[in-house]
Structures are given as C-alpha cells and as structure tokens.
Amino acid sequence: MNTHSQARTGERLRRLQEGHKHAEMLFLKEVWWPLFHHFRYLYPEYEVNDFKDGTRYLDFAYIRPVIRICFEIDGYGPHLKNISRWQFSDSLERQNQLVIDGWTVIRFSYDQVNEKPRRCQQIVQQVIGRWLGDELDLTTLSLVEKEVLRLAIRKGEAISPIEVEKYLKLSDKTVKKVLSQLVDKKMLIPASGVVRVRSYRLGEQVKNPI
C-alpha cells in the first residue's frame, strides 16, 4: 500500500486512501496472502476508463501480459437496499463493459470473504489457474505431468491418486510414479505433509509464478 501511495497523486491517491477499508483489507489478509504470499501484479483501486467517458476504480486489478482480472469486494449495507432501478442497471452495464474490454470480473461479498475465505481462495486460484494452465505448455514437464497439474488447478483443492487415475485413465502404479515426480520437482506437495498420503496440493513452484 505504501508503494502504491507514493506513486499516486490527486484523485488516484484519494481513492486509494479512502476506498480501501475493512472489506478490502480482509480480502488481502484472509484470501490473497495465504494463497500466494506476495502481492505482485495486484493493483488496489485501479483506474479504468468508464463507458461514459469518465473513470472508475476497481477494488483490485490483477494484471499480467495475457490476463486482466477485476476483483470486487461488495459489502452489504443500507445503500444496497435503497439502490434505484437506474443505479442497478448502471452497475450491470459497467460490469458488462469491463467484460467487453477484456476483463474477467470476479465478485465476492464481504460475508464470503469473512466466513468462507477458503472457498474464495479456491475461486481465485481457479480463475488465475486458467492462465497458468496455458503457461504449463511452455515448461519441460511431460504431457501427463501437465495434465495432473491442470486437474489440481481446476479443482482448487487437494487431489487424490484415485481422481488422477480416473481422469487420465492410467494405472495405479503409473499415477503414483507421476505424483512422486511432481513432488520431487516441488510442483505438488503431500496434503498431509507425509510421503504416504491420499491427496496432494499445488506446491510453491506452481504458486509462485502466479
């Protein structure tokens, strides 16, 4: 936050100082940080051109060369109950315009972030994982190893050897060998922290590039 504050002036600085309150901070603390352990490529109160030739600010923008994701944290308060039909339509039109402009829009309620942070983490991991899945094609992993990681990314939680067997239609022996290779490469780690396990989750070598 300090880095972004030092780089901004005027309205962009004011929006950062006033727009990021408890809900946005909770998202960073309970969802983003436990998942990635860094804030690279994540921009708070990101300014975009409005479809009415003005400007608007996104709660968070995740931007890489091939991906643009908008994360919005929506609080539930009296103002939502009293919103007019015109304001409701305008909100939908703004979101539609972001999608037309190439943004992926993901919205969480405050209650979701506060009460179900793990589910929010899974959604974030899955949507970013769509890009990461394509990036796997640029690695030296085998075709089977890539497909196992894609399965883990799409699921957003631990995968079991049986799931991999059914998904790839491979033998138990082959799956155990592939999973072991991915553990050695730090692409997967045993979900229980031991070698003889029934499930695996993504390792730091997969998470960090995100």
C-alpha atoms as a PDB file:
ATOM      1  CA  MET A   1       0.000   0.000   0.000  1.00  0.00           C
ATOM      2  CA  ASN A   2       2.857   2.362   0.763  1.00  0.00           C
ATOM      3  CA  THR A   3       4.414   1.677  -2.631  1.00  0.00           C
ATOM      4  CA  HIS A   4       1.168   2.482  -4.461  1.00  0.00           C
ATOM      5  CA  SER A   5       0.554   5.571  -2.307  1.00  0.00           C
ATOM      6  CA  GLN A   6       3.973   7.011  -3.124  1.00  0.00           C
ATOM      7  CA  ALA A   7       3.351   6.549  -6.847  1.00  0.00           C
ATOM      8  CA  ARG A   8      -0.043   8.316  -6.877  1.00  0.00           C
ATOM      9  CA  THR A   9      -1.323  11.864  -6.680  1.00  0.00           C
ATOM     10  CA  GLY A  10      -4.673  13.652  -6.813  1.00  0.00           C
ATOM     11  CA  GLU A  11      -7.846  11.630  -7.170  1.00  0.00           C
ATOM     12  CA  ARG A  12      -5.975   8.341  -7.652  1.00  0.00           C
ATOM     13  CA  LEU A  13      -4.282   8.824  -4.270  1.00  0.00           C
ATOM     14  CA  ARG A  14      -7.507   9.866  -2.570  1.00  0.00           C
ATOM     15  CA  ARG A  15      -9.315   6.788  -3.870  1.00  0.00           C
ATOM     16  CA  LEU A  16      -6.569   4.551  -2.538  1.00  0.00           C
ATOM     17  CA  GLN A  17      -6.613   6.199   0.877  1.00  0.00           C
ATOM     18  CA  GLU A  18     -10.399   6.311   1.242  1.00  0.00           C
ATOM     19  CA  GLY A  19     -11.530   3.370  -0.862  1.00  0.00           C
ATOM     20  CA  HIS A  20      -9.543   0.630   0.807  1.00  0.00           C
ATOM     21  CA  LYS A  21     -11.291  -0.136   4.040  1.00  0.00           C
ATOM     22  CA  HIS A  22     -12.004  -3.183   6.161  1.00  0.00           C
ATOM     23  CA  ALA A  23     -13.523  -5.402   3.449  1.00  0.00           C
ATOM     24  CA  GLU A  24     -10.641  -4.892   1.017  1.00  0.00           C
ATOM     25  CA  MET A  25      -8.018  -5.391   3.718  1.00  0.00           C
ATOM     26  CA  LEU A  26      -9.774  -8.553   4.850  1.00  0.00           C
ATOM     27  CA  PHE A  27      -9.572  -9.910   1.295  1.00  0.00           C
ATOM     28  CA  LEU A  28      -5.810  -9.329   1.245  1.00  0.00           C
ATOM     29  CA  LYS A  29      -5.300 -10.862   4.683  1.00  0.00           C
ATOM     30  CA  GLU A  30      -7.625 -13.878   4.510  1.00  0.00           C
ATOM     31  CA  VAL A  31      -7.709 -14.726   0.810  1.00  0.00           C
ATOM     32  CA  TRP A  32      -4.807 -13.376  -1.235  1.00  0.00           C
ATOM     33  CA  TRP A  33      -1.829 -13.570   1.130  1.00  0.00           C
ATOM     34  CA  PRO A  34      -2.420 -17.143   2.403  1.00  0.00           C
ATOM     35  CA  LEU A  35      -2.715 -18.262  -1.209  1.00  0.00           C
ATOM     36  CA  PHE A  36       0.279 -16.539  -2.859  1.00  0.00           C
ATOM     37  CA  HIS A  37       2.424 -14.957  -0.099  1.00  0.00           C
ATOM     38  CA  HIS A  38       3.104 -11.908  -2.298  1.00  0.00           C
ATOM     39  CA  PHE A  39       1.198  -9.041  -3.914  1.00  0.00           C
ATOM     40  CA  ARG A  40       2.965  -8.946  -7.280  1.00  0.00           C
ATOM     41  CA  TYR A  41       0.790  -7.876 -10.212  1.00  0.00           C
ATOM     42  CA  LEU A  42      -2.068  -6.899  -7.857  1.00  0.00           C
ATOM     43  CA  TYR A  43      -3.146  -3.237  -8.040  1.00  0.00           C
ATOM     44  CA  PRO A  44      -5.543  -1.729  -5.459  1.00  0.00           C
ATOM     45  CA  GLU A  45      -8.099   0.887  -6.564  1.00  0.00           C
ATOM     46  CA  TYR A  46      -7.063   0.507 -10.193  1.00  0.00           C
ATOM     47  CA  GLU A  47      -8.264   3.265 -12.513  1.00  0.00           C
ATOM     48  CA  VAL A  48     -10.022   2.337 -15.768  1.00  0.00           C
ATOM     49  CA  ASN A  49     -11.895   4.334 -18.384  1.00  0.00           C
ATOM     50  CA  ASP A  50     -15.618   4.393 -17.790  1.00  0.00           C
ATOM     51  CA  PHE A  51     -18.000   3.548 -20.624  1.00  0.00           C
ATOM     52  CA  LYS A  52     -19.426   7.059 -20.235  1.00  0.00           C
ATOM     53  CA  ASP A  53     -16.052   8.689 -20.984  1.00  0.00           C
ATOM     54  CA  GLY A  54     -15.242   9.085 -17.301  1.00  0.00           C
ATOM     55  CA  THR A  55     -13.177   6.995 -14.911  1.00  0.00           C
ATOM     56  CA  ARG A  56     -13.958   4.343 -12.351  1.00  0.00           C
ATOM     57  CA  TYR A  57     -11.880   2.399  -9.847  1.00  0.00           C
ATOM     58  CA  LEU A  58     -11.683  -1.355  -9.380  1.00  0.00           C
ATOM     59  CA  ASP A  59     -11.134  -2.721  -5.870  1.00  0.00           C
ATOM     60  CA  PHE A  60      -8.271  -4.862  -7.178  1.00  0.00           C
ATOM     61  CA  ALA A  61      -6.834  -5.493 -10.624  1.00  0.00           C
ATOM     62  CA  TYR A  62      -4.583  -8.456 -11.328  1.00  0.00           C
ATOM     63  CA  ILE A  63      -2.643  -7.686 -14.498  1.00  0.00           C
ATOM     64  CA  ARG A  64      -0.207  -9.796 -16.454  1.00  0.00           C
ATOM     65  CA  PRO A  65       0.694  -9.622 -20.179  1.00  0.00           C
ATOM     66  CA  VAL A  66      -2.064 -12.050 -21.138  1.00  0.00           C
ATOM     67  CA  ILE A  67      -4.628 -11.600 -18.383  1.00  0.00           C
ATOM     68  CA  ARG A  68      -6.668  -8.877 -16.693  1.00  0.00           C
ATOM     69  CA  ILE A  69      -8.830  -9.817 -13.717  1.00  0.00           C
ATOM     70  CA  CYS A  70     -11.006  -7.472 -11.690  1.00  0.00           C
ATOM     71  CA  PHE A  71     -11.715  -8.493  -8.084  1.00  0.00           C
ATOM     72  CA  GLU A  72     -14.556  -6.627  -6.375  1.00  0.00           C
ATOM     73  CA  ILE A  73     -15.470  -6.940  -2.695  1.00  0.00           C
ATOM     74  CA  ASP A  74     -19.100  -5.942  -2.200  1.00  0.00           C
ATOM     75  CA  GLY A  75     -20.346  -5.013   1.235  1.00  0.00           C
ATOM     76  CA  TYR A  76     -23.991  -5.411   2.159  1.00  0.00           C
ATOM     77  CA  GLY A  77     -25.456  -2.281   3.708  1.00  0.00           C
ATOM     78  CA  PRO A  78     -28.439   0.054   3.713  1.00  0.00           C
ATOM     79  CA  HIS A  79     -27.324   1.711   0.467  1.00  0.00           C
ATOM     80  CA  LEU A  80     -27.869  -1.557  -1.418  1.00  0.00           C
ATOM     81  CA  LYS A  81     -31.430  -1.841  -0.133  1.00  0.00           C
ATOM     82  CA  ASN A  82     -32.159   1.700  -1.271  1.00  0.00           C
ATOM     83  CA  ILE A  83     -30.463   1.494  -4.682  1.00  0.00           C
ATOM     84  CA  SER A  84     -32.630   2.813  -7.503  1.00  0.00           C
ATOM     85  CA  ARG A  85     -33.578   0.823 -10.603  1.00  0.00           C
ATOM     86  CA  TRP A  86     -31.396   3.173 -12.668  1.00  0.00           C
ATOM     87  CA  GLN A  87     -28.401   2.655 -10.383  1.00  0.00           C
ATOM     88  CA  PHE A  88     -28.891  -1.111 -10.527  1.00  0.00           C
ATOM     89  CA  SER A  89     -28.952  -1.059 -14.334  1.00  0.00           C
ATOM     90  CA  ASP A  90     -25.917   1.233 -14.424  1.00  0.00           C
ATOM     91  CA  SER A  91     -23.956  -1.178 -12.220  1.00  0.00           C
ATOM     92  CA  LEU A  92     -24.726  -4.063 -14.558  1.00  0.00           C
ATOM     93  CA  GLU A  93     -23.779  -2.009 -17.598  1.00  0.00           C
ATOM     94  CA  ARG A  94     -20.444  -1.071 -16.042  1.00  0.00           C
ATOM     95  CA  GLN A  95     -19.641  -4.727 -15.385  1.00  0.00           C
ATOM     96  CA  ASN A  96     -20.672  -5.709 -18.913  1.00  0.00           C
ATOM     97  CA  GLN A  97     -18.364  -3.056 -20.332  1.00  0.00           C
ATOM     98  CA  LEU A  98     -15.420  -4.401 -18.353  1.00  0.00           C
ATOM     99  CA  VAL A  99     -16.056  -7.855 -19.830  1.00  0.00           C
ATOM    100  CA  ILE A 100     -16.315  -6.389 -23.334  1.00  0.00           C
ATOM    101  CA  ASP A 101     -12.990  -4.618 -22.757  1.00  0.00           C
ATOM    102  CA  GLY A 102     -11.329  -7.955 -21.992  1.00  0.00           C
ATOM    103  CA  TRP A 103     -11.574  -8.098 -18.202  1.00  0.00           C
ATOM    104  CA  THR A 104     -12.536 -11.158 -16.195  1.00  0.00           C
ATOM    105  CA  VAL A 105     -14.753  -9.911 -13.358  1.00  0.00           C
ATOM    106  CA  ILE A 106     -14.881 -11.816 -10.048  1.00  0.00           C
ATOM    107  CA  ARG A 107     -17.080 -10.500  -7.250  1.00  0.00           C
ATOM    108  CA  PHE A 108     -17.124 -11.549  -3.606  1.00  0.00           C
ATOM    109  CA  SER A 109     -19.444 -10.395  -0.854  1.00  0.00           C
ATOM    110  CA  TYR A 110     -17.986  -9.286   2.453  1.00  0.00           C
ATOM    111  CA  ASP A 111     -19.668 -12.255   4.129  1.00  0.00           C
ATOM    112  CA  GLN A 112     -17.979 -14.684   1.719  1.00  0.00           C
ATOM    113  CA  VAL A 113     -14.538 -13.256   2.465  1.00  0.00           C
ATOM    114  CA  ASN A 114     -15.192 -13.156   6.199  1.00  0.00           C
ATOM    115  CA  GLU A 115     -16.926 -16.509   6.657  1.00  0.00           C
ATOM    116  CA  LYS A 116     -15.671 -18.653   3.748  1.00  0.00           C
ATOM    117  CA  PRO A 117     -12.141 -17.444   2.914  1.00  0.00           C
ATOM    118  CA  ARG A 118     -11.009 -20.896   1.786  1.00  0.00           C
ATOM    119  CA  ARG A 119     -13.761 -21.045  -0.839  1.00  0.00           C
ATOM    120  CA  CYS A 120     -12.738 -17.569  -2.045  1.00  0.00           C
ATOM    121  CA  GLN A 121      -9.129 -18.789  -2.295  1.00  0.00           C
ATOM    122  CA  GLN A 122     -10.263 -21.694  -4.456  1.00  0.00           C
ATOM    123  CA  ILE A 123     -12.130 -19.376  -6.831  1.00  0.00           C
ATOM    124  CA  VAL A 124      -9.153 -17.024  -7.128  1.00  0.00           C
ATOM    125  CA  GLN A 125      -6.816 -19.957  -7.728  1.00  0.00           C
ATOM    126  CA  GLN A 126      -9.115 -21.427 -10.367  1.00  0.00           C
ATOM    127  CA  VAL A 127      -9.580 -18.222 -12.353  1.00  0.00           C
ATOM    128  CA  ILE A 128      -5.852 -17.403 -12.336  1.00  0.00           C
ATOM    129  CA  GLY A 129      -5.138 -21.070 -12.954  1.00  0.00           C
ATOM    130  CA  ARG A 130      -6.806 -20.817 -16.368  1.00  0.00           C
ATOM    131  CA  TRP A 131      -3.869 -18.633 -17.398  1.00  0.00           C
ATOM    132  CA  LEU A 132      -1.352 -20.761 -15.531  1.00  0.00           C
ATOM    133  CA  GLY A 133      -2.675 -23.854 -17.297  1.00  0.00           C
ATOM    134  CA  ASP A 134      -1.667 -22.347 -20.633  1.00  0.00           C
ATOM    135  CA  GLU A 135       1.733 -21.413 -19.242  1.00  0.00           C
ATOM    136  CA  LEU A 136       2.369 -25.067 -18.414  1.00  0.00           C
ATOM    137  CA  ASP A 137       2.747 -25.725 -22.135  1.00  0.00           C
ATOM    138  CA  LEU A 138       5.942 -23.663 -22.045  1.00  0.00           C
ATOM    139  CA  THR A 139       7.554 -25.892 -19.405  1.00  0.00           C
ATOM    140  CA  THR A 140       9.619 -29.060 -19.836  1.00  0.00           C
ATOM    141  CA  LEU A 141       7.139 -31.200 -17.915  1.00  0.00           C
ATOM    142  CA  SER A 142       5.790 -34.318 -19.566  1.00  0.00           C
ATOM    143  CA  LEU A 143       2.283 -34.297 -21.031  1.00  0.00           C
ATOM    144  CA  VAL A 144       0.963 -36.432 -18.157  1.00  0.00           C
ATOM    145  CA  GLU A 145       2.562 -34.175 -15.525  1.00  0.00           C
ATOM    146  CA  LYS A 146       0.974 -31.095 -17.128  1.00  0.00           C
ATOM    147  CA  GLU A 147      -2.457 -32.717 -17.130  1.00  0.00           C
ATOM    148  CA  VAL A 148      -2.147 -33.644 -13.454  1.00  0.00           C
ATOM    149  CA  LEU A 149      -1.314 -30.033 -12.573  1.00  0.00           C
ATOM    150  CA  ARG A 150      -4.180 -28.740 -14.710  1.00  0.00           C
ATOM    151  CA  LEU A 151      -6.522 -31.026 -12.771  1.00  0.00           C
ATOM    152  CA  ALA A 152      -5.212 -29.653  -9.452  1.00  0.00           C
ATOM    153  CA  ILE A 153      -5.546 -26.056 -10.663  1.00  0.00           C
ATOM    154  CA  ARG A 154      -9.101 -26.502 -11.903  1.00  0.00           C
ATOM    155  CA  LYS A 155     -10.195 -28.257  -8.721  1.00  0.00           C
ATOM    156  CA  GLY A 156      -8.637 -25.611  -6.488  1.00  0.00           C
ATOM    157  CA  GLU A 157      -8.006 -28.083  -3.647  1.00  0.00           C
ATOM    158  CA  ALA A 158      -6.170 -31.320  -2.912  1.00  0.00           C
ATOM    159  CA  ILE A 159      -6.386 -34.133  -5.461  1.00  0.00           C
ATOM    160  CA  SER A 160      -6.181 -37.851  -4.745  1.00  0.00           C
ATOM    161  CA  PRO A 161      -4.367 -40.553  -6.747  1.00  0.00           C
ATOM    162  CA  ILE A 162      -7.732 -42.189  -7.468  1.00  0.00           C
ATOM    163  CA  GLU A 163      -9.008 -38.954  -9.038  1.00  0.00           C
ATOM    164  CA  VAL A 164      -5.927 -38.815 -11.255  1.00  0.00           C
ATOM    165  CA  GLU A 165      -6.374 -42.466 -12.255  1.00  0.00           C
ATOM    166  CA  LYS A 166      -9.972 -41.858 -13.332  1.00  0.00           C
ATOM    167  CA  TYR A 167      -9.179 -38.537 -15.025  1.00  0.00           C
ATOM    168  CA  LEU A 168      -6.241 -39.812 -17.100  1.00  0.00           C
ATOM    169  CA  LYS A 169      -7.299 -43.472 -17.252  1.00  0.00           C
ATOM    170  CA  LEU A 170      -3.900 -44.643 -16.022  1.00  0.00           C
ATOM    171  CA  SER A 171      -2.834 -47.479 -13.748  1.00  0.00           C
ATOM    172  CA  ASP A 172      -2.263 -47.025 -10.036  1.00  0.00           C
ATOM    173  CA  LYS A 173       1.456 -47.684 -10.477  1.00  0.00           C
ATOM    174  CA  THR A 174       1.846 -45.051 -13.220  1.00  0.00           C
ATOM    175  CA  VAL A 175      -0.084 -42.412 -11.268  1.00  0.00           C
ATOM    176  CA  LYS A 176       1.997 -42.942  -8.130  1.00  0.00           C
ATOM    177  CA  LYS A 177       5.157 -42.531 -10.202  1.00  0.00           C
ATOM    178  CA  VAL A 178       3.926 -39.284 -11.810  1.00  0.00           C
ATOM    179  CA  LEU A 179       2.802 -37.840  -8.478  1.00  0.00           C
ATOM    180  CA  SER A 180       6.154 -38.732  -6.938  1.00  0.00           C
ATOM    181  CA  GLN A 181       7.963 -36.975  -9.807  1.00  0.00           C
ATOM    182  CA  LEU A 182       5.874 -33.831  -9.304  1.00  0.00           C
ATOM    183  CA  VAL A 183       6.614 -33.870  -5.590  1.00  0.00           C
ATOM    184  CA  ASP A 184      10.347 -34.134  -6.341  1.00  0.00           C
ATOM    185  CA  LYS A 185      10.015 -31.111  -8.662  1.00  0.00           C
ATOM    186  CA  LYS A 186       8.120 -29.223  -5.928  1.00  0.00           C
ATOM    187  CA  MET A 187       5.105 -28.878  -8.225  1.00  0.00           C
ATOM    188  CA  LEU A 188       2.962 -30.836  -5.752  1.00  0.00           C
ATOM    189  CA  ILE A 189       3.288 -31.432  -2.035  1.00  0.00           C
ATOM    190  CA  PRO A 190       1.616 -34.092   0.135  1.00  0.00           C
ATOM    191  CA  ALA A 191      -1.517 -32.538   1.599  1.00  0.00           C
ATOM    192  CA  SER A 192      -0.859 -34.249   4.946  1.00  0.00           C
ATOM    193  CA  GLY A 193       2.837 -33.403   4.987  1.00  0.00           C
ATOM    194  CA  VAL A 194       3.995 -37.038   4.800  1.00  0.00           C
ATOM    195  CA  VAL A 195       5.161 -39.265   1.981  1.00  0.00           C
ATOM    196  CA  ARG A 196       2.448 -41.933   2.185  1.00  0.00           C
ATOM    197  CA  VAL A 197      -0.616 -39.803   1.585  1.00  0.00           C
ATOM    198  CA  ARG A 198      -4.004 -39.961  -0.037  1.00  0.00           C
ATOM    199  CA  SER A 199      -4.026 -36.469  -1.525  1.00  0.00           C
ATOM    200  CA  TYR A 200      -1.744 -33.759  -2.935  1.00  0.00           C
ATOM    201  CA  ARG A 201      -1.945 -29.998  -3.344  1.00  0.00           C
ATOM    202  CA  LEU A 202      -0.082 -27.491  -5.502  1.00  0.00           C
ATOM    203  CA  GLY A 203       3.493 -26.737  -4.474  1.00  0.00           C
ATOM    204  CA  GLU A 204       5.370 -23.436  -4.327  1.00  0.00           C
ATOM    205  CA  GLN A 205       6.920 -23.940  -7.775  1.00  0.00           C
ATOM    206  CA  VAL A 206       3.411 -23.690  -9.215  1.00  0.00           C
ATOM    207  CA  LYS A 207       2.092 -20.975  -6.893  1.00  0.00           C
ATOM    208  CA  ASN A 208       4.987 -18.534  -7.065  1.00  0.00           C
ATOM    209  CA  PRO A 209       4.812 -17.797 -10.812  1.00  0.00           C
ATOM    210  CA  ILE A 210       1.268 -16.564 -10.239  1.00  0.00           C
END
